[in-house]
PDB file of N, CA and C in Angstrom:
ATOM      1  N   MET A   1     135.138 169.463 127.282  1.00  0.00           N
ATOM      2  CA  MET A   1     134.844 168.192 128.144  1.00  0.00           C
ATOM      3  C   MET A   1     133.536 168.660 128.784  1.00  0.00           C
ATOM      4  N   GLY A   2     132.520 167.724 128.867  1.00  0.00           N
ATOM      5  CA  GLY A   2     131.444 167.917 129.710  1.00  0.00           C
ATOM      6  C   GLY A   2     131.277 167.624 131.158  1.00  0.00           C
ATOM      7  N   HIS A   3     130.102 167.629 131.761  1.00  0.00           N
ATOM      8  CA  HIS A   3     129.430 167.480 132.668  1.00  0.00           C
ATOM      9  C   HIS A   3     130.199 165.949 133.474  1.00  0.00           C
ATOM     10  N   CYS A   4     130.668 165.746 134.418  1.00  0.00           N
ATOM     11  CA  CYS A   4     131.442 164.803 134.630  1.00  0.00           C
ATOM     12  C   CYS A   4     132.159 164.036 134.026  1.00  0.00           C
ATOM     13  N   GLY A   5     132.747 164.878 133.376  1.00  0.00           N
ATOM     14  CA  GLY A   5     134.198 164.375 132.513  1.00  0.00           C
ATOM     15  C   GLY A   5     133.791 163.744 131.469  1.00  0.00           C
ATOM     16  N   LEU A   6     132.304 163.466 130.973  1.00  0.00           N
ATOM     17  CA  LEU A   6     132.023 162.755 129.712  1.00  0.00           C
ATOM     18  C   LEU A   6     132.557 164.365 128.268  1.00  0.00           C
ATOM     19  N   VAL A   7     133.025 163.565 127.569  1.00  0.00           N
ATOM     20  CA  VAL A   7     133.367 164.459 126.098  1.00  0.00           C
ATOM     21  C   VAL A   7     131.924 164.486 125.568  1.00  0.00           C
ATOM     22  N   ARG A   8     131.564 165.821 125.132  1.00  0.00           N
ATOM     23  CA  ARG A   8     130.556 165.670 124.094  1.00  0.00           C
ATOM     24  C   ARG A   8     130.837 166.092 122.898  1.00  0.00           C
ATOM     25  N   ALA A   9     130.322 165.328 122.027  1.00  0.00           N
ATOM     26  CA  ALA A   9     130.487 165.463 120.788  1.00  0.00           C
ATOM     27  C   ALA A   9     129.808 166.397 120.294  1.00  0.00           C
ATOM     28  N   PRO A  10     129.818 166.713 118.397  1.00  0.00           N
ATOM     29  CA  PRO A  10     129.126 167.801 118.239  1.00  0.00           C
ATOM     30  C   PRO A  10     127.671 167.321 117.509  1.00  0.00           C
ATOM     31  N   PRO A  11     126.778 168.564 117.499  1.00  0.00           N
ATOM     32  CA  PRO A  11     125.695 167.646 117.268  1.00  0.00           C
ATOM     33  C   PRO A  11     125.883 167.152 115.938  1.00  0.00           C
ATOM     34  N   PRO A  12     124.857 166.157 114.973  1.00  0.00           N
ATOM     35  CA  PRO A  12     124.892 165.382 114.020  1.00  0.00           C
ATOM     36  C   PRO A  12     124.600 166.309 113.323  1.00  0.00           C
ATOM     37  N   GLY A  13     125.405 166.152 111.967  1.00  0.00           N
ATOM     38  CA  GLY A  13     125.516 166.887 110.773  1.00  0.00           C
ATOM     39  C   GLY A  13     126.406 168.150 111.176  1.00  0.00           C
ATOM     40  N   ALA A  14     126.960 168.409 112.072  1.00  0.00           N
ATOM     41  CA  ALA A  14     128.046 169.094 112.154  1.00  0.00           C
ATOM     42  C   ALA A  14     129.369 169.171 112.308  1.00  0.00           C
ATOM     43  N   SER A  15     130.145 170.093 111.636  1.00  0.00           N
ATOM     44  CA  SER A  15     131.742 169.339 111.163  1.00  0.00           C
ATOM     45  C   SER A  15     132.443 170.277 112.391  1.00  0.00           C
ATOM     46  N   LEU A  16     133.740 170.097 112.808  1.00  0.00           N
ATOM     47  CA  LEU A  16     134.753 170.961 113.544  1.00  0.00           C
ATOM     48  C   LEU A  16     136.053 171.054 112.515  1.00  0.00           C
ATOM     49  N   TYR A  17     136.123 171.861 112.959  1.00  0.00           N
ATOM     50  CA  TYR A  17     137.693 172.145 112.201  1.00  0.00           C
ATOM     51  C   TYR A  17     138.930 172.570 112.994  1.00  0.00           C
ATOM     52  N   ALA A  18     140.126 172.436 112.892  1.00  0.00           N
ATOM     53  CA  ALA A  18     140.745 173.758 114.101  1.00  0.00           C
ATOM     54  C   ALA A  18     142.229 173.432 112.912  1.00  0.00           C
ATOM     55  N   ILE A  19     142.147 175.282 113.014  1.00  0.00           N
ATOM     56  CA  ILE A  19     143.103 175.641 111.859  1.00  0.00           C
ATOM     57  C   ILE A  19     144.047 176.373 112.986  1.00  0.00           C
ATOM     58  N   ARG A  20     145.198 175.823 112.667  1.00  0.00           N
ATOM     59  CA  ARG A  20     146.736 176.318 113.483  1.00  0.00           C
ATOM     60  C   ARG A  20     147.057 177.737 113.114  1.00  0.00           C
ATOM     61  N   VAL A  21     147.179 178.601 113.689  1.00  0.00           N
ATOM     62  CA  VAL A  21     147.798 179.753 113.103  1.00  0.00           C
ATOM     63  C   VAL A  21     149.007 180.494 114.143  1.00  0.00           C
ATOM     64  N   PHE A  22     148.869 179.645 115.085  1.00  0.00           N
ATOM     65  CA  PHE A  22     150.374 179.856 115.901  1.00  0.00           C
ATOM     66  C   PHE A  22     151.695 178.646 115.870  1.00  0.00           C
ATOM     67  N   GLY A  23     152.472 179.365 115.678  1.00  0.00           N
ATOM     68  CA  GLY A  23     153.659 178.916 115.613  1.00  0.00           C
ATOM     69  C   GLY A  23     154.823 178.230 116.563  1.00  0.00           C
ATOM     70  N   CYS A  24     155.295 177.264 116.144  1.00  0.00           N
ATOM     71  CA  CYS A  24     156.131 176.770 117.621  1.00  0.00           C
ATOM     72  C   CYS A  24     156.383 177.586 118.575  1.00  0.00           C
ATOM     73  N   GLY A  25     157.127 178.663 118.134  1.00  0.00           N
ATOM     74  CA  GLY A  25     157.528 179.959 118.978  1.00  0.00           C
ATOM     75  C   GLY A  25     156.558 180.980 119.587  1.00  0.00           C
ATOM     76  N   GLY A  26     155.006 180.669 119.215  1.00  0.00           N
ATOM     77  CA  GLY A  26     154.004 181.051 119.510  1.00  0.00           C
ATOM     78  C   GLY A  26     153.510 182.532 119.570  1.00  0.00           C
ATOM     79  N   GLY A  27     154.430 183.044 118.400  1.00  0.00           N
ATOM     80  CA  GLY A  27     153.649 184.452 117.850  1.00  0.00           C
ATOM     81  C   GLY A  27     153.252 183.942 116.112  1.00  0.00           C
ATOM     82  N   THR A  28     152.516 184.628 115.590  1.00  0.00           N
ATOM     83  CA  THR A  28     151.804 184.422 114.417  1.00  0.00           C
ATOM     84  C   THR A  28     151.392 185.531 113.423  1.00  0.00           C
ATOM     85  N   GLY A  29     151.799 185.259 112.118  1.00  0.00           N
ATOM     86  CA  GLY A  29     151.565 186.608 111.329  1.00  0.00           C
ATOM     87  C   GLY A  29     150.100 185.890 110.203  1.00  0.00           C
ATOM     88  N   LEU A  30     149.545 184.236 110.965  1.00  0.00           N
ATOM     89  CA  LEU A  30     148.736 183.821 110.120  1.00  0.00           C
ATOM     90  C   LEU A  30     147.266 184.048 110.525  1.00  0.00           C
ATOM     91  N   THR A  31     146.909 184.476 111.265  1.00  0.00           N
ATOM     92  CA  THR A  31     145.341 184.275 111.750  1.00  0.00           C
ATOM     93  C   THR A  31     144.722 185.011 110.728  1.00  0.00           C
ATOM     94  N   VAL A  32     145.135 186.074 109.989  1.00  0.00           N
ATOM     95  CA  VAL A  32     144.426 186.038 108.760  1.00  0.00           C
ATOM     96  C   VAL A  32     144.246 185.200 107.932  1.00  0.00           C
ATOM     97  N   GLN A  33     145.264 184.490 107.589  1.00  0.00           N
ATOM     98  CA  GLN A  33     145.002 183.504 106.955  1.00  0.00           C
ATOM     99  C   GLN A  33     143.751 182.561 107.119  1.00  0.00           C
ATOM    100  N   GLY A  34     143.414 182.330 108.328  1.00  0.00           N
ATOM    101  CA  GLY A  34     143.093 181.335 108.667  1.00  0.00           C
ATOM    102  C   GLY A  34     141.669 181.309 109.036  1.00  0.00           C
ATOM    103  N   ILE A  35     141.789 182.840 109.019  1.00  0.00           N
ATOM    104  CA  ILE A  35     139.869 183.373 108.804  1.00  0.00           C
ATOM    105  C   ILE A  35     139.363 183.495 107.412  1.00  0.00           C
ATOM    106  N   ASP A  36     140.789 183.880 106.346  1.00  0.00           N
ATOM    107  CA  ASP A  36     140.523 183.570 104.950  1.00  0.00           C
ATOM    108  C   ASP A  36     140.057 182.222 104.516  1.00  0.00           C
ATOM    109  N   TRP A  37     140.680 180.880 105.081  1.00  0.00           N
ATOM    110  CA  TRP A  37     140.487 180.071 104.716  1.00  0.00           C
ATOM    111  C   TRP A  37     138.940 179.623 105.615  1.00  0.00           C
ATOM    112  N   ALA A  38     138.785 179.850 106.204  1.00  0.00           N
ATOM    113  CA  ALA A  38     137.116 179.768 107.527  1.00  0.00           C
ATOM    114  C   ALA A  38     136.410 180.126 106.394  1.00  0.00           C
ATOM    115  N   MET A  39     136.808 181.635 105.614  1.00  0.00           N
ATOM    116  CA  MET A  39     135.420 182.265 105.109  1.00  0.00           C
ATOM    117  C   MET A  39     135.348 180.965 103.647  1.00  0.00           C
ATOM    118  N   ASP A  40     136.733 180.385 102.921  1.00  0.00           N
ATOM    119  CA  ASP A  40     136.600 179.538 101.995  1.00  0.00           C
ATOM    120  C   ASP A  40     137.545 178.270 101.955  1.00  0.00           C
ATOM    121  N   PRO A  41     136.634 177.387 102.403  1.00  0.00           N
ATOM    122  CA  PRO A  41     137.158 175.988 102.620  1.00  0.00           C
ATOM    123  C   PRO A  41     138.017 175.704 101.344  1.00  0.00           C
ATOM    124  N   ASN A  42     136.976 175.624 100.241  1.00  0.00           N
ATOM    125  CA  ASN A  42     137.514 174.733  99.199  1.00  0.00           C
ATOM    126  C   ASN A  42     138.357 175.767  98.456  1.00  0.00           C
ATOM    127  N   GLY A  43     138.619 176.622  98.685  1.00  0.00           N
ATOM    128  CA  GLY A  43     139.675 177.879  97.786  1.00  0.00           C
ATOM    129  C   GLY A  43     138.687 177.955  96.368  1.00  0.00           C
ATOM    130  N   ASP A  44     137.443 178.015  96.221  1.00  0.00           N
ATOM    131  CA  ASP A  44     136.942 178.449  94.667  1.00  0.00           C
ATOM    132  C   ASP A  44     136.148 179.943  94.319  1.00  0.00           C
ATOM    133  N   THR A  45     136.690 180.442  95.712  1.00  0.00           N
ATOM    134  CA  THR A  45     136.019 181.897  95.797  1.00  0.00           C
ATOM    135  C   THR A  45     134.495 182.112  96.053  1.00  0.00           C
ATOM    136  N   ASP A  46     133.714 181.272  96.248  1.00  0.00           N
ATOM    137  CA  ASP A  46     132.872 180.872  96.507  1.00  0.00           C
ATOM    138  C   ASP A  46     132.598 180.742  98.142  1.00  0.00           C
ATOM    139  N   LEU A  47     132.080 181.986  98.595  1.00  0.00           N
ATOM    140  CA  LEU A  47     132.036 182.357 100.050  1.00  0.00           C
ATOM    141  C   LEU A  47     130.924 181.164 100.550  1.00  0.00           C
ATOM    142  N   SER A  48     129.948 180.944  99.850  1.00  0.00           N
ATOM    143  CA  SER A  48     128.982 180.189 100.363  1.00  0.00           C
ATOM    144  C   SER A  48     128.980 179.079 100.943  1.00  0.00           C
ATOM    145  N   ASP A  49     130.256 178.322 101.511  1.00  0.00           N
ATOM    146  CA  ASP A  49     130.538 177.456 101.819  1.00  0.00           C
ATOM    147  C   ASP A  49     131.504 177.523 103.148  1.00  0.00           C
ATOM    148  N   HIS A  50     131.184 178.946 103.327  1.00  0.00           N
ATOM    149  CA  HIS A  50     131.945 179.314 104.462  1.00  0.00           C
ATOM    150  C   HIS A  50     131.744 178.765 105.984  1.00  0.00           C
ATOM    151  N   LEU A  51     132.553 178.906 107.256  1.00  0.00           N
ATOM    152  CA  LEU A  51     132.432 178.121 108.391  1.00  0.00           C
ATOM    153  C   LEU A  51     131.354 178.799 109.076  1.00  0.00           C
ATOM    154  N   ASP A  52     130.407 178.561 109.543  1.00  0.00           N
ATOM    155  CA  ASP A  52     129.102 179.026 110.473  1.00  0.00           C
ATOM    156  C   ASP A  52     129.970 179.881 111.509  1.00  0.00           C
ATOM    157  N   VAL A  53     131.233 179.665 112.259  1.00  0.00           N
ATOM    158  CA  VAL A  53     131.475 180.301 113.753  1.00  0.00           C
ATOM    159  C   VAL A  53     132.878 180.090 113.581  1.00  0.00           C
ATOM    160  N   ILE A  54     133.742 181.002 113.770  1.00  0.00           N
ATOM    161  CA  ILE A  54     134.863 181.343 114.354  1.00  0.00           C
ATOM    162  C   ILE A  54     135.315 181.314 116.003  1.00  0.00           C
ATOM    163  N   ASN A  55     135.903 180.548 116.022  1.00  0.00           N
ATOM    164  CA  ASN A  55     135.830 181.189 117.904  1.00  0.00           C
ATOM    165  C   ASN A  55     137.741 181.152 118.144  1.00  0.00           C
ATOM    166  N   MET A  56     137.989 182.596 118.475  1.00  0.00           N
ATOM    167  CA  MET A  56     139.981 182.593 118.747  1.00  0.00           C
ATOM    168  C   MET A  56     140.147 182.831 120.120  1.00  0.00           C
ATOM    169  N   SER A  57     140.904 182.443 120.502  1.00  0.00           N
ATOM    170  CA  SER A  57     142.026 182.813 121.848  1.00  0.00           C
ATOM    171  C   SER A  57     142.858 183.313 121.755  1.00  0.00           C
ATOM    172  N   LEU A  58     143.104 184.537 121.255  1.00  0.00           N
ATOM    173  CA  LEU A  58     144.377 185.344 121.415  1.00  0.00           C
ATOM    174  C   LEU A  58     145.069 185.501 122.136  1.00  0.00           C
ATOM    175  N   GLY A  59     146.272 185.295 123.027  1.00  0.00           N
ATOM    176  CA  GLY A  59     146.930 185.319 123.595  1.00  0.00           C
ATOM    177  C   GLY A  59     147.824 186.457 123.502  1.00  0.00           C
ATOM    178  N   SER A  60     147.493 187.905 123.364  1.00  0.00           N
ATOM    179  CA  SER A  60     148.282 188.854 123.174  1.00  0.00           C
ATOM    180  C   SER A  60     147.379 189.860 123.844  1.00  0.00           C
ATOM    181  N   ASP A  61     148.099 191.483 123.914  1.00  0.00           N
ATOM    182  CA  ASP A  61     147.334 192.343 124.440  1.00  0.00           C
ATOM    183  C   ASP A  61     146.439 193.112 123.269  1.00  0.00           C
ATOM    184  N   PHE A  62     145.697 193.780 123.563  1.00  0.00           N
ATOM    185  CA  PHE A  62     144.666 194.201 123.205  1.00  0.00           C
ATOM    186  C   PHE A  62     145.348 194.591 121.844  1.00  0.00           C
ATOM    187  N   GLY A  63     144.376 194.642 120.346  1.00  0.00           N
ATOM    188  CA  GLY A  63     144.527 195.012 119.315  1.00  0.00           C
ATOM    189  C   GLY A  63     143.882 197.082 118.974  1.00  0.00           C
ATOM    190  N   THR A  64     144.171 196.848 117.624  1.00  0.00           N
ATOM    191  CA  THR A  64     143.417 197.900 117.074  1.00  0.00           C
ATOM    192  C   THR A  64     142.314 197.944 116.401  1.00  0.00           C
ATOM    193  N   LEU A  65     141.302 198.573 115.850  1.00  0.00           N
ATOM    194  CA  LEU A  65     140.377 198.241 114.924  1.00  0.00           C
ATOM    195  C   LEU A  65     140.751 198.424 113.341  1.00  0.00           C
ATOM    196  N   ALA A  66     142.592 199.120 113.275  1.00  0.00           N
ATOM    197  CA  ALA A  66     142.710 198.670 112.033  1.00  0.00           C
ATOM    198  C   ALA A  66     143.541 197.339 111.804  1.00  0.00           C
ATOM    199  N   ASN A  67     143.797 196.529 113.181  1.00  0.00           N
ATOM    200  CA  ASN A  67     144.497 195.449 112.813  1.00  0.00           C
ATOM    201  C   ASN A  67     143.869 194.952 111.722  1.00  0.00           C
ATOM    202  N   THR A  68     144.712 194.213 110.949  1.00  0.00           N
ATOM    203  CA  THR A  68     144.666 193.016 109.882  1.00  0.00           C
ATOM    204  C   THR A  68     143.434 191.830 110.463  1.00  0.00           C
ATOM    205  N   THR A  69     143.960 191.405 111.470  1.00  0.00           N
ATOM    206  CA  THR A  69     142.877 190.663 112.232  1.00  0.00           C
ATOM    207  C   THR A  69     141.688 191.288 112.389  1.00  0.00           C
ATOM    208  N   ALA A  70     141.570 192.149 113.229  1.00  0.00           N
ATOM    209  CA  ALA A  70     140.606 192.281 113.440  1.00  0.00           C
ATOM    210  C   ALA A  70     139.035 193.101 111.962  1.00  0.00           C
ATOM    211  N   GLN A  71     139.997 193.491 111.078  1.00  0.00           N
ATOM    212  CA  GLN A  71     139.267 194.084 109.606  1.00  0.00           C
ATOM    213  C   GLN A  71     139.226 191.890 108.922  1.00  0.00           C
ATOM    214  N   ALA A  72     139.618 191.556 109.571  1.00  0.00           N
ATOM    215  CA  ALA A  72     139.082 190.095 108.302  1.00  0.00           C
ATOM    216  C   ALA A  72     138.092 189.819 109.370  1.00  0.00           C
ATOM    217  N   SER A  73     137.959 190.156 110.625  1.00  0.00           N
ATOM    218  CA  SER A  73     136.852 189.152 111.339  1.00  0.00           C
ATOM    219  C   SER A  73     135.797 189.992 110.901  1.00  0.00           C
ATOM    220  N   ASP A  74     135.755 191.616 111.318  1.00  0.00           N
ATOM    221  CA  ASP A  74     134.398 191.911 110.600  1.00  0.00           C
ATOM    222  C   ASP A  74     134.160 191.472 109.186  1.00  0.00           C
ATOM    223  N   ASN A  75     135.158 191.558 108.460  1.00  0.00           N
ATOM    224  CA  ASN A  75     134.506 190.631 106.951  1.00  0.00           C
ATOM    225  C   ASN A  75     133.543 189.641 107.353  1.00  0.00           C
ATOM    226  N   ALA A  76     134.563 188.838 107.936  1.00  0.00           N
ATOM    227  CA  ALA A  76     133.605 187.137 108.019  1.00  0.00           C
ATOM    228  C   ALA A  76     132.377 187.733 108.781  1.00  0.00           C
ATOM    229  N   ALA A  77     132.152 188.485 109.448  1.00  0.00           N
ATOM    230  CA  ALA A  77     131.018 188.735 110.581  1.00  0.00           C
ATOM    231  C   ALA A  77     129.779 189.270 109.171  1.00  0.00           C
ATOM    232  N   LEU A  78     130.415 190.227 108.348  1.00  0.00           N
ATOM    233  CA  LEU A  78     129.608 190.554 107.478  1.00  0.00           C
ATOM    234  C   LEU A  78     129.010 189.697 106.202  1.00  0.00           C
ATOM    235  N   ALA A  79     129.994 188.494 106.064  1.00  0.00           N
ATOM    236  CA  ALA A  79     129.566 187.616 104.974  1.00  0.00           C
ATOM    237  C   ALA A  79     128.805 186.221 105.840  1.00  0.00           C
ATOM    238  N   GLY A  80     128.375 186.631 107.014  1.00  0.00           N
ATOM    239  CA  GLY A  80     127.156 185.941 107.840  1.00  0.00           C
ATOM    240  C   GLY A  80     127.781 184.735 108.872  1.00  0.00           C
ATOM    241  N   VAL A  81     129.166 185.086 109.462  1.00  0.00           N
ATOM    242  CA  VAL A  81     129.863 184.536 110.355  1.00  0.00           C
ATOM    243  C   VAL A  81     129.700 184.832 111.308  1.00  0.00           C
ATOM    244  N   VAL A  82     129.365 183.690 112.818  1.00  0.00           N
ATOM    245  CA  VAL A  82     129.597 184.457 113.391  1.00  0.00           C
ATOM    246  C   VAL A  82     131.175 184.521 114.598  1.00  0.00           C
ATOM    247  N   VAL A  83     131.511 185.014 114.839  1.00  0.00           N
ATOM    248  CA  VAL A  83     133.084 185.534 115.305  1.00  0.00           C
ATOM    249  C   VAL A  83     133.175 185.615 116.371  1.00  0.00           C
ATOM    250  N   VAL A  84     134.448 184.712 117.596  1.00  0.00           N
ATOM    251  CA  VAL A  84     133.885 185.110 118.704  1.00  0.00           C
ATOM    252  C   VAL A  84     135.397 185.014 119.048  1.00  0.00           C
ATOM    253  N   ALA A  85     136.312 186.376 119.852  1.00  0.00           N
ATOM    254  CA  ALA A  85     137.132 186.102 119.936  1.00  0.00           C
ATOM    255  C   ALA A  85     137.449 186.994 121.147  1.00  0.00           C
ATOM    256  N   SER A  86     138.666 186.128 122.376  1.00  0.00           N
ATOM    257  CA  SER A  86     139.486 186.710 123.379  1.00  0.00           C
ATOM    258  C   SER A  86     140.568 187.374 123.140  1.00  0.00           C
ATOM    259  N   ALA A  87     140.864 188.098 123.789  1.00  0.00           N
ATOM    260  CA  ALA A  87     142.239 188.882 123.780  1.00  0.00           C
ATOM    261  C   ALA A  87     142.882 189.394 125.012  1.00  0.00           C
ATOM    262  N   GLY A  88     143.862 189.876 124.995  1.00  0.00           N
ATOM    263  CA  GLY A  88     144.202 190.338 126.070  1.00  0.00           C
ATOM    264  C   GLY A  88     144.758 189.359 127.114  1.00  0.00           C
ATOM    265  N   ASN A  89     145.045 188.112 127.324  1.00  0.00           N
ATOM    266  CA  ASN A  89     145.469 186.800 127.960  1.00  0.00           C
ATOM    267  C   ASN A  89     146.509 187.150 128.274  1.00  0.00           C
ATOM    268  N   ALA A  90     147.123 188.107 127.769  1.00  0.00           N
ATOM    269  CA  ALA A  90     148.728 188.236 128.260  1.00  0.00           C
ATOM    270  C   ALA A  90     148.977 188.850 129.347  1.00  0.00           C
ATOM    271  N   GLY A  91     147.707 189.073 130.149  1.00  0.00           N
ATOM    272  CA  GLY A  91     148.213 190.161 131.229  1.00  0.00           C
ATOM    273  C   GLY A  91     147.098 189.670 132.140  1.00  0.00           C
ATOM    274  N   ASP A  92     146.663 190.696 133.061  1.00  0.00           N
ATOM    275  CA  ASP A  92     145.508 190.677 133.752  1.00  0.00           C
ATOM    276  C   ASP A  92     144.335 190.987 133.854  1.00  0.00           C
ATOM    277  N   THR A  93     144.052 191.613 132.681  1.00  0.00           N
ATOM    278  CA  THR A  93     142.779 192.064 132.041  1.00  0.00           C
ATOM    279  C   THR A  93     141.884 191.254 130.510  1.00  0.00           C
ATOM    280  N   TYR A  94     141.414 191.078 130.563  1.00  0.00           N
ATOM    281  CA  TYR A  94     141.220 190.563 128.850  1.00  0.00           C
ATOM    282  C   TYR A  94     139.286 191.369 128.143  1.00  0.00           C
ATOM    283  N   LEU A  95     139.960 190.580 127.014  1.00  0.00           N
ATOM    284  CA  LEU A  95     138.564 191.177 126.449  1.00  0.00           C
ATOM    285  C   LEU A  95     137.780 190.038 125.707  1.00  0.00           C
ATOM    286  N   LEU A  96     136.409 190.068 125.583  1.00  0.00           N
ATOM    287  CA  LEU A  96     135.757 189.147 124.826  1.00  0.00           C
ATOM    288  C   LEU A  96     134.530 189.848 123.789  1.00  0.00           C
ATOM    289  N   ALA A  97     135.215 189.311 122.680  1.00  0.00           N
ATOM    290  CA  ALA A  97     134.277 190.511 121.810  1.00  0.00           C
ATOM    291  C   ALA A  97     133.584 188.678 120.954  1.00  0.00           C
ATOM    292  N   VAL A  98     132.289 189.110 120.724  1.00  0.00           N
ATOM    293  CA  VAL A  98     131.548 188.670 120.058  1.00  0.00           C
ATOM    294  C   VAL A  98     130.673 189.605 118.655  1.00  0.00           C
ATOM    295  N   LEU A  99     131.366 189.399 117.275  1.00  0.00           N
ATOM    296  CA  LEU A  99     130.709 190.070 115.866  1.00  0.00           C
ATOM    297  C   LEU A  99     129.583 189.040 115.369  1.00  0.00           C
ATOM    298  N   LEU A 100     128.759 189.313 115.879  1.00  0.00           N
ATOM    299  CA  LEU A 100     127.055 188.980 114.976  1.00  0.00           C
ATOM    300  C   LEU A 100     126.929 189.264 113.730  1.00  0.00           C
ATOM    301  N   PRO A 101     126.849 188.309 112.882  1.00  0.00           N
ATOM    302  CA  PRO A 101     126.455 189.018 111.054  1.00  0.00           C
ATOM    303  C   PRO A 101     125.374 189.538 111.474  1.00  0.00           C
ATOM    304  N   PRO A 102     124.793 190.883 110.398  1.00  0.00           N
ATOM    305  CA  PRO A 102     123.709 191.457 110.512  1.00  0.00           C
ATOM    306  C   PRO A 102     122.511 190.734 110.594  1.00  0.00           C
ATOM    307  N   ALA A 103     122.490 189.746 110.076  1.00  0.00           N
ATOM    308  CA  ALA A 103     121.188 189.274 110.656  1.00  0.00           C
ATOM    309  C   ALA A 103     120.480 188.495 111.738  1.00  0.00           C
ATOM    310  N   VAL A 104     121.373 187.918 112.642  1.00  0.00           N
ATOM    311  CA  VAL A 104     122.174 187.731 113.662  1.00  0.00           C
ATOM    312  C   VAL A 104     121.573 189.170 114.841  1.00  0.00           C
ATOM    313  N   GLY A 105     122.601 189.931 114.655  1.00  0.00           N
ATOM    314  CA  GLY A 105     122.904 191.031 115.784  1.00  0.00           C
ATOM    315  C   GLY A 105     121.525 192.231 115.573  1.00  0.00           C
TER     316      GLY A 105
END
């Protein structure tokens, strides 16, 4: 929602994708598969068509560097994707991390 309640559209030529990784019960084991899909949307193993940005808001406590979601996020950033993730939404503290591709960071 933009200024004064106006809905802003994506820039010309941009595409937005909603990738649902949470089930009806709130938990998921599908975050890595969602990142994988964002890396290869047509499933042809050619990563040149990856999404440019992955923006995740995960309502859970903090993870670890060894977490598979963290590893998939790191791999996406290394492939050129800007990964934005917020975590810790389950309590009164939070973390916002932005992983930039090497050419950007």
